[in-house]
Amino acid sequence: MVDVEAIYDRGFSLRCDGQYIEAKQVFQEVLRLAPSHLGARWQLALIQCFEGDFDGSLQSFQGLVDQHPTAVDVRYDMAMTQMMLGMVEEACTNFRTILNQQPDHEKARKQLVYCQ
């Protein structure tokens, strides 16, 4: 039996080590085995951002948030990408949404200093 989470963990380690090409291949394998795997799709959206495909990354994040509106960590990474791109109003809306869902989300709370 294939351990999808072990494969995902290997991809996550590769992504954390900056080995994006290899990580993408591993995450795509995870998605081949488990097409709705949120973590793999989330990591691929992050890699898109890290590689400079900001529009594609935001589109991927938005699709994930639309499908999983309570996935606060995915929404947080989307908001941080928006902040990085100067989309402050959109990012602040997402930080507030996160805090409405999870009031103790410390990272989102810290980002409110940049919001009006």
PDB file of N, CA and C in Angstrom:
ATOM      1  N   MET A   1       0.839  -1.186   0.000  1.00  0.00           N
ATOM      2  CA  MET A   1       0.000   0.000   0.000  1.00  0.00           C
ATOM      3  C   MET A   1       0.883   1.247   0.000  1.00  0.00           C
ATOM      4  N   VAL A   2       0.522   2.226  -0.772  1.00  0.00           N
ATOM      5  CA  VAL A   2       1.286   3.460  -0.918  1.00  0.00           C
ATOM      6  C   VAL A   2       0.936   4.408   0.233  1.00  0.00           C
ATOM      7  N   ASP A   3       1.956   4.967   0.864  1.00  0.00           N
ATOM      8  CA  ASP A   3       1.762   5.928   1.951  1.00  0.00           C
ATOM      9  C   ASP A   3       1.835   7.339   1.369  1.00  0.00           C
ATOM     10  N   VAL A   4       0.673   7.893   1.021  1.00  0.00           N
ATOM     11  CA  VAL A   4       0.600   9.205   0.379  1.00  0.00           C
ATOM     12  C   VAL A   4       1.197  10.274   1.283  1.00  0.00           C
ATOM     13  N   GLU A   5       0.954  10.175   2.581  1.00  0.00           N
ATOM     14  CA  GLU A   5       1.474  11.202   3.497  1.00  0.00           C
ATOM     15  C   GLU A   5       2.999  11.158   3.592  1.00  0.00           C
ATOM     16  N   ALA A   6       3.583   9.985   3.485  1.00  0.00           N
ATOM     17  CA  ALA A   6       5.047   9.888   3.474  1.00  0.00           C
ATOM     18  C   ALA A   6       5.611  10.538   2.213  1.00  0.00           C
ATOM     19  N   ILE A   7       4.936  10.339   1.104  1.00  0.00           N
ATOM     20  CA  ILE A   7       5.367  10.973  -0.150  1.00  0.00           C
ATOM     21  C   ILE A   7       5.226  12.490  -0.015  1.00  0.00           C
ATOM     22  N   TYR A   8       4.095  12.942   0.526  1.00  0.00           N
ATOM     23  CA  TYR A   8       3.887  14.370   0.747  1.00  0.00           C
ATOM     24  C   TYR A   8       4.993  14.944   1.642  1.00  0.00           C
ATOM     25  N   ASP A   9       5.308  14.258   2.720  1.00  0.00           N
ATOM     26  CA  ASP A   9       6.353  14.732   3.641  1.00  0.00           C
ATOM     27  C   ASP A   9       7.695  14.873   2.932  1.00  0.00           C
ATOM     28  N   ARG A  10       7.987  13.956   2.020  1.00  0.00           N
ATOM     29  CA  ARG A  10       9.241  14.059   1.244  1.00  0.00           C
ATOM     30  C   ARG A  10       9.207  15.314   0.371  1.00  0.00           C
ATOM     31  N   GLY A  11       8.084  15.570  -0.275  1.00  0.00           N
ATOM     32  CA  GLY A  11       7.946  16.777  -1.089  1.00  0.00           C
ATOM     33  C   GLY A  11       8.060  18.036  -0.256  1.00  0.00           C
ATOM     34  N   PHE A  12       7.460  18.018   0.933  1.00  0.00           N
ATOM     35  CA  PHE A  12       7.526  19.173   1.828  1.00  0.00           C
ATOM     36  C   PHE A  12       8.970  19.464   2.220  1.00  0.00           C
ATOM     37  N   SER A  13       9.721  18.422   2.532  1.00  0.00           N
ATOM     38  CA  SER A  13      11.141  18.600   2.880  1.00  0.00           C
ATOM     39  C   SER A  13      11.923  19.176   1.711  1.00  0.00           C
ATOM     40  N   LEU A  14      11.654  18.683   0.519  1.00  0.00           N
ATOM     41  CA  LEU A  14      12.330  19.207  -0.671  1.00  0.00           C
ATOM     42  C   LEU A  14      11.984  20.684  -0.878  1.00  0.00           C
ATOM     43  N   ARG A  15      10.713  21.029  -0.719  1.00  0.00           N
ATOM     44  CA  ARG A  15      10.294  22.426  -0.868  1.00  0.00           C
ATOM     45  C   ARG A  15      10.975  23.308   0.156  1.00  0.00           C
ATOM     46  N   CYS A  16      11.041  22.847   1.384  1.00  0.00           N
ATOM     47  CA  CYS A  16      11.699  23.625   2.443  1.00  0.00           C
ATOM     48  C   CYS A  16      13.188  23.801   2.175  1.00  0.00           C
ATOM     49  N   ASP A  17      13.785  22.846   1.473  1.00  0.00           N
ATOM     50  CA  ASP A  17      15.204  22.926   1.123  1.00  0.00           C
ATOM     51  C   ASP A  17      15.442  23.706  -0.163  1.00  0.00           C
ATOM     52  N   GLY A  18      14.375  24.251  -0.754  1.00  0.00           N
ATOM     53  CA  GLY A  18      14.522  25.044  -1.968  1.00  0.00           C
ATOM     54  C   GLY A  18      14.675  24.214  -3.235  1.00  0.00           C
ATOM     55  N   GLN A  19      14.415  22.938  -3.149  1.00  0.00           N
ATOM     56  CA  GLN A  19      14.517  22.052  -4.311  1.00  0.00           C
ATOM     57  C   GLN A  19      13.148  21.965  -4.984  1.00  0.00           C
ATOM     58  N   TYR A  20      12.786  23.075  -5.618  1.00  0.00           N
ATOM     59  CA  TYR A  20      11.423  23.231  -6.115  1.00  0.00           C
ATOM     60  C   TYR A  20      11.063  22.282  -7.249  1.00  0.00           C
ATOM     61  N   ILE A  21      11.971  22.041  -8.161  1.00  0.00           N
ATOM     62  CA  ILE A  21      11.673  21.144  -9.283  1.00  0.00           C
ATOM     63  C   ILE A  21      11.356  19.747  -8.766  1.00  0.00           C
ATOM     64  N   GLU A  22      12.199  19.265  -7.869  1.00  0.00           N
ATOM     65  CA  GLU A  22      11.977  17.937  -7.307  1.00  0.00           C
ATOM     66  C   GLU A  22      10.705  17.903  -6.467  1.00  0.00           C
ATOM     67  N   ALA A  23      10.486  18.956  -5.686  1.00  0.00           N
ATOM     68  CA  ALA A  23       9.291  19.013  -4.844  1.00  0.00           C
ATOM     69  C   ALA A  23       8.029  18.998  -5.696  1.00  0.00           C
ATOM     70  N   LYS A  24       8.024  19.755  -6.795  1.00  0.00           N
ATOM     71  CA  LYS A  24       6.856  19.777  -7.669  1.00  0.00           C
ATOM     72  C   LYS A  24       6.550  18.369  -8.186  1.00  0.00           C
ATOM     73  N   GLN A  25       7.577  17.646  -8.575  1.00  0.00           N
ATOM     74  CA  GLN A  25       7.375  16.290  -9.084  1.00  0.00           C
ATOM     75  C   GLN A  25       6.752  15.394  -8.014  1.00  0.00           C
ATOM     76  N   VAL A  26       7.226  15.529  -6.785  1.00  0.00           N
ATOM     77  CA  VAL A  26       6.696  14.715  -5.694  1.00  0.00           C
ATOM     78  C   VAL A  26       5.244  15.100  -5.402  1.00  0.00           C
ATOM     79  N   PHE A  27       4.956  16.398  -5.347  1.00  0.00           N
ATOM     80  CA  PHE A  27       3.576  16.826  -5.081  1.00  0.00           C
ATOM     81  C   PHE A  27       2.636  16.408  -6.212  1.00  0.00           C
ATOM     82  N   GLN A  28       3.122  16.416  -7.443  1.00  0.00           N
ATOM     83  CA  GLN A  28       2.297  15.954  -8.557  1.00  0.00           C
ATOM     84  C   GLN A  28       2.019  14.453  -8.438  1.00  0.00           C
ATOM     85  N   GLU A  29       2.980  13.710  -7.909  1.00  0.00           N
ATOM     86  CA  GLU A  29       2.762  12.284  -7.651  1.00  0.00           C
ATOM     87  C   GLU A  29       1.696  12.109  -6.562  1.00  0.00           C
ATOM     88  N   VAL A  30       1.768  12.933  -5.521  1.00  0.00           N
ATOM     89  CA  VAL A  30       0.741  12.886  -4.473  1.00  0.00           C
ATOM     90  C   VAL A  30      -0.631  13.129  -5.102  1.00  0.00           C
ATOM     91  N   LEU A  31      -0.730  14.124  -5.959  1.00  0.00           N
ATOM     92  CA  LEU A  31      -2.014  14.444  -6.584  1.00  0.00           C
ATOM     93  C   LEU A  31      -2.480  13.361  -7.557  1.00  0.00           C
ATOM     94  N   ARG A  32      -1.544  12.656  -8.152  1.00  0.00           N
ATOM     95  CA  ARG A  32      -1.918  11.529  -9.003  1.00  0.00           C
ATOM     96  C   ARG A  32      -2.582  10.449  -8.147  1.00  0.00           C
ATOM     97  N   LEU A  33      -2.044  10.248  -6.938  1.00  0.00           N
ATOM     98  CA  LEU A  33      -2.570   9.223  -6.035  1.00  0.00           C
ATOM     99  C   LEU A  33      -3.804   9.695  -5.259  1.00  0.00           C
ATOM    100  N   ALA A  34      -3.828  10.983  -4.945  1.00  0.00           N
ATOM    101  CA  ALA A  34      -4.927  11.554  -4.149  1.00  0.00           C
ATOM    102  C   ALA A  34      -5.255  12.934  -4.717  1.00  0.00           C
ATOM    103  N   PRO A  35      -6.049  13.002  -5.784  1.00  0.00           N
ATOM    104  CA  PRO A  35      -6.275  14.254  -6.519  1.00  0.00           C
ATOM    105  C   PRO A  35      -6.769  15.435  -5.688  1.00  0.00           C
ATOM    106  N   SER A  36      -7.422  15.196  -4.586  1.00  0.00           N
ATOM    107  CA  SER A  36      -7.939  16.315  -3.787  1.00  0.00           C
ATOM    108  C   SER A  36      -7.044  16.654  -2.591  1.00  0.00           C
ATOM    109  N   HIS A  37      -5.834  16.155  -2.561  1.00  0.00           N
ATOM    110  CA  HIS A  37      -4.923  16.380  -1.423  1.00  0.00           C
ATOM    111  C   HIS A  37      -4.644  17.876  -1.268  1.00  0.00           C
ATOM    112  N   LEU A  38      -5.223  18.472  -0.233  1.00  0.00           N
ATOM    113  CA  LEU A  38      -5.099  19.912  -0.017  1.00  0.00           C
ATOM    114  C   LEU A  38      -3.649  20.332   0.182  1.00  0.00           C
ATOM    115  N   GLY A  39      -2.911  19.598   0.977  1.00  0.00           N
ATOM    116  CA  GLY A  39      -1.528  19.968   1.263  1.00  0.00           C
ATOM    117  C   GLY A  39      -0.665  20.048   0.015  1.00  0.00           C
ATOM    118  N   ALA A  40      -0.789  19.076  -0.855  1.00  0.00           N
ATOM    119  CA  ALA A  40       0.015  19.074  -2.084  1.00  0.00           C
ATOM    120  C   ALA A  40      -0.362  20.253  -2.973  1.00  0.00           C
ATOM    121  N   ARG A  41      -1.653  20.518  -3.083  1.00  0.00           N
ATOM    122  CA  ARG A  41      -2.094  21.647  -3.904  1.00  0.00           C
ATOM    123  C   ARG A  41      -1.613  22.967  -3.299  1.00  0.00           C
ATOM    124  N   TRP A  42      -1.646  23.075  -1.977  1.00  0.00           N
ATOM    125  CA  TRP A  42      -1.175  24.267  -1.258  1.00  0.00           C
ATOM    126  C   TRP A  42       0.314  24.473  -1.496  1.00  0.00           C
ATOM    127  N   GLN A  43       1.095  23.409  -1.376  1.00  0.00           N
ATOM    128  CA  GLN A  43       2.542  23.521  -1.569  1.00  0.00           C
ATOM    129  C   GLN A  43       2.884  23.903  -3.004  1.00  0.00           C
ATOM    130  N   LEU A  44       2.131  23.395  -3.964  1.00  0.00           N
ATOM    131  CA  LEU A  44       2.370  23.778  -5.354  1.00  0.00           C
ATOM    132  C   LEU A  44       2.073  25.255  -5.575  1.00  0.00           C
ATOM    133  N   ALA A  45       1.053  25.789  -4.907  1.00  0.00           N
ATOM    134  CA  ALA A  45       0.759  27.226  -5.009  1.00  0.00           C
ATOM    135  C   ALA A  45       1.901  28.049  -4.419  1.00  0.00           C
ATOM    136  N   LEU A  46       2.455  27.591  -3.318  1.00  0.00           N
ATOM    137  CA  LEU A  46       3.606  28.286  -2.723  1.00  0.00           C
ATOM    138  C   LEU A  46       4.808  28.267  -3.663  1.00  0.00           C
ATOM    139  N   ILE A  47       5.059  27.112  -4.254  1.00  0.00           N
ATOM    140  CA  ILE A  47       6.195  26.999  -5.172  1.00  0.00           C
ATOM    141  C   ILE A  47       6.012  27.933  -6.367  1.00  0.00           C
ATOM    142  N   GLN A  48       4.787  28.037  -6.871  1.00  0.00           N
ATOM    143  CA  GLN A  48       4.534  28.984  -7.962  1.00  0.00           C
ATOM    144  C   GLN A  48       4.987  30.387  -7.544  1.00  0.00           C
ATOM    145  N   CYS A  49       4.643  30.777  -6.348  1.00  0.00           N
ATOM    146  CA  CYS A  49       5.027  32.104  -5.849  1.00  0.00           C
ATOM    147  C   CYS A  49       6.542  32.211  -5.743  1.00  0.00           C
ATOM    148  N   PHE A  50       7.163  31.216  -5.143  1.00  0.00           N
ATOM    149  CA  PHE A  50       8.614  31.246  -4.950  1.00  0.00           C
ATOM    150  C   PHE A  50       9.359  31.316  -6.275  1.00  0.00           C
ATOM    151  N   GLU A  51       8.766  30.742  -7.310  1.00  0.00           N
ATOM    152  CA  GLU A  51       9.394  30.752  -8.635  1.00  0.00           C
ATOM    153  C   GLU A  51       9.026  31.989  -9.451  1.00  0.00           C
ATOM    154  N   GLY A  52       8.205  32.876  -8.879  1.00  0.00           N
ATOM    155  CA  GLY A  52       7.901  34.132  -9.557  1.00  0.00           C
ATOM    156  C   GLY A  52       6.623  34.153 -10.357  1.00  0.00           C
ATOM    157  N   ASP A  53       5.852  33.075 -10.338  1.00  0.00           N
ATOM    158  CA  ASP A  53       4.569  33.050 -11.040  1.00  0.00           C
ATOM    159  C   ASP A  53       3.491  33.545 -10.076  1.00  0.00           C
ATOM    160  N   PHE A  54       3.508  34.853  -9.818  1.00  0.00           N
ATOM    161  CA  PHE A  54       2.629  35.420  -8.805  1.00  0.00           C
ATOM    162  C   PHE A  54       1.155  35.332  -9.196  1.00  0.00           C
ATOM    163  N   ASP A  55       0.844  35.627 -10.449  1.00  0.00           N
ATOM    164  CA  ASP A  55      -0.552  35.538 -10.887  1.00  0.00           C
ATOM    165  C   ASP A  55      -1.062  34.102 -10.774  1.00  0.00           C
ATOM    166  N   GLY A  56      -0.252  33.168 -11.224  1.00  0.00           N
ATOM    167  CA  GLY A  56      -0.639  31.761 -11.139  1.00  0.00           C
ATOM    168  C   GLY A  56      -0.784  31.300  -9.704  1.00  0.00           C
ATOM    169  N   SER A  57       0.115  31.768  -8.860  1.00  0.00           N
ATOM    170  CA  SER A  57       0.062  31.417  -7.449  1.00  0.00           C
ATOM    171  C   SER A  57      -1.219  31.943  -6.807  1.00  0.00           C
ATOM    172  N   LEU A  58      -1.529  33.217  -7.055  1.00  0.00           N
ATOM    173  CA  LEU A  58      -2.754  33.786  -6.483  1.00  0.00           C
ATOM    174  C   LEU A  58      -3.993  33.064  -6.999  1.00  0.00           C
ATOM    175  N   GLN A  59      -3.992  32.705  -8.267  1.00  0.00           N
ATOM    176  CA  GLN A  59      -5.119  31.970  -8.834  1.00  0.00           C
ATOM    177  C   GLN A  59      -5.247  30.598  -8.155  1.00  0.00           C
ATOM    178  N   SER A  60      -4.116  29.938  -7.945  1.00  0.00           N
ATOM    179  CA  SER A  60      -4.146  28.636  -7.269  1.00  0.00           C
ATOM    180  C   SER A  60      -4.640  28.774  -5.834  1.00  0.00           C
ATOM    181  N   PHE A  61      -4.108  29.771  -5.117  1.00  0.00           N
ATOM    182  CA  PHE A  61      -4.556  30.007  -3.746  1.00  0.00           C
ATOM    183  C   PHE A  61      -6.059  30.293  -3.706  1.00  0.00           C
ATOM    184  N   GLN A  62      -6.539  31.143  -4.621  1.00  0.00           N
ATOM    185  CA  GLN A  62      -7.958  31.502  -4.621  1.00  0.00           C
ATOM    186  C   GLN A  62      -8.824  30.277  -4.848  1.00  0.00           C
ATOM    187  N   GLY A  63      -8.406  29.417  -5.760  1.00  0.00           N
ATOM    188  CA  GLY A  63      -9.159  28.190  -5.989  1.00  0.00           C
ATOM    189  C   GLY A  63      -9.215  27.316  -4.744  1.00  0.00           C
ATOM    190  N   LEU A  64      -8.097  27.233  -4.029  1.00  0.00           N
ATOM    191  CA  LEU A  64      -8.072  26.450  -2.792  1.00  0.00           C
ATOM    192  C   LEU A  64      -8.961  27.068  -1.720  1.00  0.00           C
ATOM    193  N   VAL A  65      -8.876  28.394  -1.569  1.00  0.00           N
ATOM    194  CA  VAL A  65      -9.697  29.080  -0.571  1.00  0.00           C
ATOM    195  C   VAL A  65     -11.177  28.953  -0.918  1.00  0.00           C
ATOM    196  N   ASP A  66     -11.511  29.021  -2.196  1.00  0.00           N
ATOM    197  CA  ASP A  66     -12.910  28.858  -2.609  1.00  0.00           C
ATOM    198  C   ASP A  66     -13.419  27.461  -2.246  1.00  0.00           C
ATOM    199  N   GLN A  67     -12.581  26.458  -2.434  1.00  0.00           N
ATOM    200  CA  GLN A  67     -12.984  25.084  -2.150  1.00  0.00           C
ATOM    201  C   GLN A  67     -12.901  24.737  -0.662  1.00  0.00           C
ATOM    202  N   HIS A  68     -12.000  25.414   0.049  1.00  0.00           N
ATOM    203  CA  HIS A  68     -11.763  25.115   1.466  1.00  0.00           C
ATOM    204  C   HIS A  68     -11.751  26.425   2.253  1.00  0.00           C
ATOM    205  N   PRO A  69     -12.903  27.073   2.396  1.00  0.00           N
ATOM    206  CA  PRO A  69     -12.936  28.402   3.006  1.00  0.00           C
ATOM    207  C   PRO A  69     -12.467  28.456   4.463  1.00  0.00           C
ATOM    208  N   THR A  70     -12.421  27.327   5.136  1.00  0.00           N
ATOM    209  CA  THR A  70     -11.963  27.331   6.532  1.00  0.00           C
ATOM    210  C   THR A  70     -10.495  26.931   6.677  1.00  0.00           C
ATOM    211  N   ALA A  71      -9.795  26.754   5.577  1.00  0.00           N
ATOM    212  CA  ALA A  71      -8.363  26.415   5.623  1.00  0.00           C
ATOM    213  C   ALA A  71      -7.567  27.702   5.876  1.00  0.00           C
ATOM    214  N   VAL A  72      -7.488  28.102   7.142  1.00  0.00           N
ATOM    215  CA  VAL A  72      -6.928  29.414   7.474  1.00  0.00           C
ATOM    216  C   VAL A  72      -5.457  29.545   7.101  1.00  0.00           C
ATOM    217  N   ASP A  73      -4.693  28.476   7.165  1.00  0.00           N
ATOM    218  CA  ASP A  73      -3.275  28.591   6.825  1.00  0.00           C
ATOM    219  C   ASP A  73      -3.065  28.793   5.325  1.00  0.00           C
ATOM    220  N   VAL A  74      -3.916  28.200   4.526  1.00  0.00           N
ATOM    221  CA  VAL A  74      -3.866  28.442   3.075  1.00  0.00           C
ATOM    222  C   VAL A  74      -4.239  29.901   2.802  1.00  0.00           C
ATOM    223  N   ARG A  75      -5.314  30.367   3.443  1.00  0.00           N
ATOM    224  CA  ARG A  75      -5.734  31.759   3.275  1.00  0.00           C
ATOM    225  C   ARG A  75      -4.629  32.708   3.749  1.00  0.00           C
ATOM    226  N   TYR A  76      -3.940  32.342   4.825  1.00  0.00           N
ATOM    227  CA  TYR A  76      -2.858  33.188   5.331  1.00  0.00           C
ATOM    228  C   TYR A  76      -1.738  33.310   4.292  1.00  0.00           C
ATOM    229  N   ASP A  77      -1.340  32.205   3.692  1.00  0.00           N
ATOM    230  CA  ASP A  77      -0.287  32.273   2.673  1.00  0.00           C
ATOM    231  C   ASP A  77      -0.743  33.079   1.456  1.00  0.00           C
ATOM    232  N   MET A  78      -2.024  32.973   1.102  1.00  0.00           N
ATOM    233  CA  MET A  78      -2.538  33.805   0.017  1.00  0.00           C
ATOM    234  C   MET A  78      -2.454  35.282   0.409  1.00  0.00           C
ATOM    235  N   ALA A  79      -2.850  35.598   1.640  1.00  0.00           N
ATOM    236  CA  ALA A  79      -2.803  36.987   2.105  1.00  0.00           C
ATOM    237  C   ALA A  79      -1.370  37.512   2.138  1.00  0.00           C
ATOM    238  N   MET A  80      -0.434  36.696   2.545  1.00  0.00           N
ATOM    239  CA  MET A  80       0.966  37.136   2.573  1.00  0.00           C
ATOM    240  C   MET A  80       1.480  37.381   1.150  1.00  0.00           C
ATOM    241  N   THR A  81       1.060  36.558   0.221  1.00  0.00           N
ATOM    242  CA  THR A  81       1.431  36.775  -1.185  1.00  0.00           C
ATOM    243  C   THR A  81       0.814  38.085  -1.675  1.00  0.00           C
ATOM    244  N   GLN A  82      -0.442  38.325  -1.327  1.00  0.00           N
ATOM    245  CA  GLN A  82      -1.083  39.587  -1.702  1.00  0.00           C
ATOM    246  C   GLN A  82      -0.334  40.770  -1.103  1.00  0.00           C
ATOM    247  N   MET A  83       0.056  40.679   0.151  1.00  0.00           N
ATOM    248  CA  MET A  83       0.808  41.772   0.798  1.00  0.00           C
ATOM    249  C   MET A  83       2.103  42.040   0.050  1.00  0.00           C
ATOM    250  N   MET A  84       2.798  40.968  -0.277  1.00  0.00           N
ATOM    251  CA  MET A  84       4.077  41.087  -0.976  1.00  0.00           C
ATOM    252  C   MET A  84       3.901  41.796  -2.319  1.00  0.00           C
ATOM    253  N   LEU A  85       2.736  41.615  -2.937  1.00  0.00           N
ATOM    254  CA  LEU A  85       2.469  42.201  -4.249  1.00  0.00           C
ATOM    255  C   LEU A  85       1.801  43.565  -4.150  1.00  0.00           C
ATOM    256  N   GLY A  86       1.649  44.088  -2.928  1.00  0.00           N
ATOM    257  CA  GLY A  86       1.055  45.402  -2.747  1.00  0.00           C
ATOM    258  C   GLY A  86      -0.461  45.406  -2.775  1.00  0.00           C
ATOM    259  N   MET A  87      -1.058  44.251  -2.676  1.00  0.00           N
ATOM    260  CA  MET A  87      -2.512  44.123  -2.658  1.00  0.00           C
ATOM    261  C   MET A  87      -2.978  44.178  -1.202  1.00  0.00           C
ATOM    262  N   VAL A  88      -2.723  45.313  -0.565  1.00  0.00           N
ATOM    263  CA  VAL A  88      -2.907  45.434   0.881  1.00  0.00           C
ATOM    264  C   VAL A  88      -4.370  45.260   1.286  1.00  0.00           C
ATOM    265  N   GLU A  89      -5.277  45.886   0.577  1.00  0.00           N
ATOM    266  CA  GLU A  89      -6.699  45.797   0.933  1.00  0.00           C
ATOM    267  C   GLU A  89      -7.186  44.349   0.889  1.00  0.00           C
ATOM    268  N   GLU A  90      -6.818  43.630  -0.169  1.00  0.00           N
ATOM    269  CA  GLU A  90      -7.223  42.235  -0.303  1.00  0.00           C
ATOM    270  C   GLU A  90      -6.612  41.387   0.806  1.00  0.00           C
ATOM    271  N   ALA A  91      -5.326  41.629   1.082  1.00  0.00           N
ATOM    272  CA  ALA A  91      -4.650  40.875   2.135  1.00  0.00           C
ATOM    273  C   ALA A  91      -5.308  41.133   3.486  1.00  0.00           C
ATOM    274  N   CYS A  92      -5.606  42.380   3.783  1.00  0.00           N
ATOM    275  CA  CYS A  92      -6.221  42.723   5.066  1.00  0.00           C
ATOM    276  C   CYS A  92      -7.591  42.084   5.216  1.00  0.00           C
ATOM    277  N   THR A  93      -8.339  42.029   4.124  1.00  0.00           N
ATOM    278  CA  THR A  93      -9.631  41.341   4.163  1.00  0.00           C
ATOM    279  C   THR A  93      -9.426  39.879   4.528  1.00  0.00           C
ATOM    280  N   ASN A  94      -8.412  39.264   3.966  1.00  0.00           N
ATOM    281  CA  ASN A  94      -8.137  37.861   4.280  1.00  0.00           C
ATOM    282  C   ASN A  94      -7.648  37.684   5.716  1.00  0.00           C
ATOM    283  N   PHE A  95      -6.811  38.586   6.212  1.00  0.00           N
ATOM    284  CA  PHE A  95      -6.381  38.478   7.614  1.00  0.00           C
ATOM    285  C   PHE A  95      -7.579  38.573   8.548  1.00  0.00           C
ATOM    286  N   ARG A  96      -8.507  39.471   8.239  1.00  0.00           N
ATOM    287  CA  ARG A  96      -9.703  39.621   9.079  1.00  0.00           C
ATOM    288  C   ARG A  96     -10.596  38.375   9.002  1.00  0.00           C
ATOM    289  N   THR A  97     -10.705  37.800   7.818  1.00  0.00           N
ATOM    290  CA  THR A  97     -11.477  36.567   7.664  1.00  0.00           C
ATOM    291  C   THR A  97     -10.865  35.453   8.504  1.00  0.00           C
ATOM    292  N   ILE A  98      -9.551  35.358   8.464  1.00  0.00           N
ATOM    293  CA  ILE A  98      -8.852  34.354   9.269  1.00  0.00           C
ATOM    294  C   ILE A  98      -9.174  34.551  10.745  1.00  0.00           C
ATOM    295  N   LEU A  99      -9.082  35.790  11.199  1.00  0.00           N
ATOM    296  CA  LEU A  99      -9.316  36.071  12.624  1.00  0.00           C
ATOM    297  C   LEU A  99     -10.771  35.868  13.017  1.00  0.00           C
ATOM    298  N   ASN A 100     -11.702  36.050  12.095  1.00  0.00           N
ATOM    299  CA  ASN A 100     -13.102  35.727  12.373  1.00  0.00           C
ATOM    300  C   ASN A 100     -13.285  34.231  12.570  1.00  0.00           C
ATOM    301  N   GLN A 101     -12.523  33.449  11.806  1.00  0.00           N
ATOM    302  CA  GLN A 101     -12.623  31.992  11.888  1.00  0.00           C
ATOM    303  C   GLN A 101     -11.800  31.430  13.049  1.00  0.00           C
ATOM    304  N   GLN A 102     -10.659  32.045  13.275  1.00  0.00           N
ATOM    305  CA  GLN A 102      -9.725  31.548  14.295  1.00  0.00           C
ATOM    306  C   GLN A 102      -9.115  32.745  15.015  1.00  0.00           C
ATOM    307  N   PRO A 103      -9.804  33.268  16.027  1.00  0.00           N
ATOM    308  CA  PRO A 103      -9.370  34.501  16.698  1.00  0.00           C
ATOM    309  C   PRO A 103      -7.963  34.458  17.301  1.00  0.00           C
ATOM    310  N   ASP A 104      -7.444  33.280  17.558  1.00  0.00           N
ATOM    311  CA  ASP A 104      -6.115  33.182  18.158  1.00  0.00           C
ATOM    312  C   ASP A 104      -5.001  32.958  17.125  1.00  0.00           C
ATOM    313  N   HIS A 105      -5.283  33.197  15.844  1.00  0.00           N
ATOM    314  CA  HIS A 105      -4.264  33.030  14.795  1.00  0.00           C
ATOM    315  C   HIS A 105      -3.267  34.188  14.924  1.00  0.00           C
ATOM    316  N   GLU A 106      -2.189  33.933  15.605  1.00  0.00           N
ATOM    317  CA  GLU A 106      -1.235  34.980  15.966  1.00  0.00           C
ATOM    318  C   GLU A 106      -0.581  35.648  14.753  1.00  0.00           C
ATOM    319  N   LYS A 107      -0.234  34.866  13.745  1.00  0.00           N
ATOM    320  CA  LYS A 107       0.417  35.449  12.565  1.00  0.00           C
ATOM    321  C   LYS A 107      -0.498  36.447  11.861  1.00  0.00           C
ATOM    322  N   ALA A 108      -1.766  36.092  11.699  1.00  0.00           N
ATOM    323  CA  ALA A 108      -2.714  37.007  11.055  1.00  0.00           C
ATOM    324  C   ALA A 108      -2.902  38.253  11.915  1.00  0.00           C
ATOM    325  N   ARG A 109      -2.974  38.070  13.211  1.00  0.00           N
ATOM    326  CA  ARG A 109      -3.148  39.210  14.119  1.00  0.00           C
ATOM    327  C   ARG A 109      -1.970  40.184  13.990  1.00  0.00           C
ATOM    328  N   LYS A 110      -0.773  39.666  13.889  1.00  0.00           N
ATOM    329  CA  LYS A 110       0.408  40.523  13.761  1.00  0.00           C
ATOM    330  C   LYS A 110       0.387  41.332  12.463  1.00  0.00           C
ATOM    331  N   GLN A 111      -0.197  40.770  11.405  1.00  0.00           N
ATOM    332  CA  GLN A 111      -0.227  41.460  10.119  1.00  0.00           C
ATOM    333  C   GLN A 111      -1.209  42.617  10.111  1.00  0.00           C
ATOM    334  N   LEU A 112      -2.147  42.636  11.044  1.00  0.00           N
ATOM    335  CA  LEU A 112      -3.129  43.734  11.080  1.00  0.00           C
ATOM    336  C   LEU A 112      -2.485  45.105  11.289  1.00  0.00           C
ATOM    337  N   VAL A 113      -1.259  45.150  11.790  1.00  0.00           N
ATOM    338  CA  VAL A 113      -0.571  46.425  11.964  1.00  0.00           C
ATOM    339  C   VAL A 113      -0.432  47.159  10.612  1.00  0.00           C
ATOM    340  N   TYR A 114      -0.461  46.414   9.523  1.00  0.00           N
ATOM    341  CA  TYR A 114      -0.336  46.999   8.176  1.00  0.00           C
ATOM    342  C   TYR A 114      -1.689  47.360   7.566  1.00  0.00           C
ATOM    343  N   CYS A 115      -2.760  47.083   8.298  1.00  0.00           N
ATOM    344  CA  CYS A 115      -4.109  47.303   7.793  1.00  0.00           C
ATOM    345  C   CYS A 115      -4.711  48.536   8.453  1.00  0.00           C
ATOM    346  N   GLN A 116      -5.583  49.217   7.700  1.00  0.00           N
ATOM    347  CA  GLN A 116      -6.242  50.403   8.233  1.00  0.00           C
ATOM    348  C   GLN A 116      -7.625  50.082   8.701  1.00  0.00           C
TER     349      GLN A 116
END
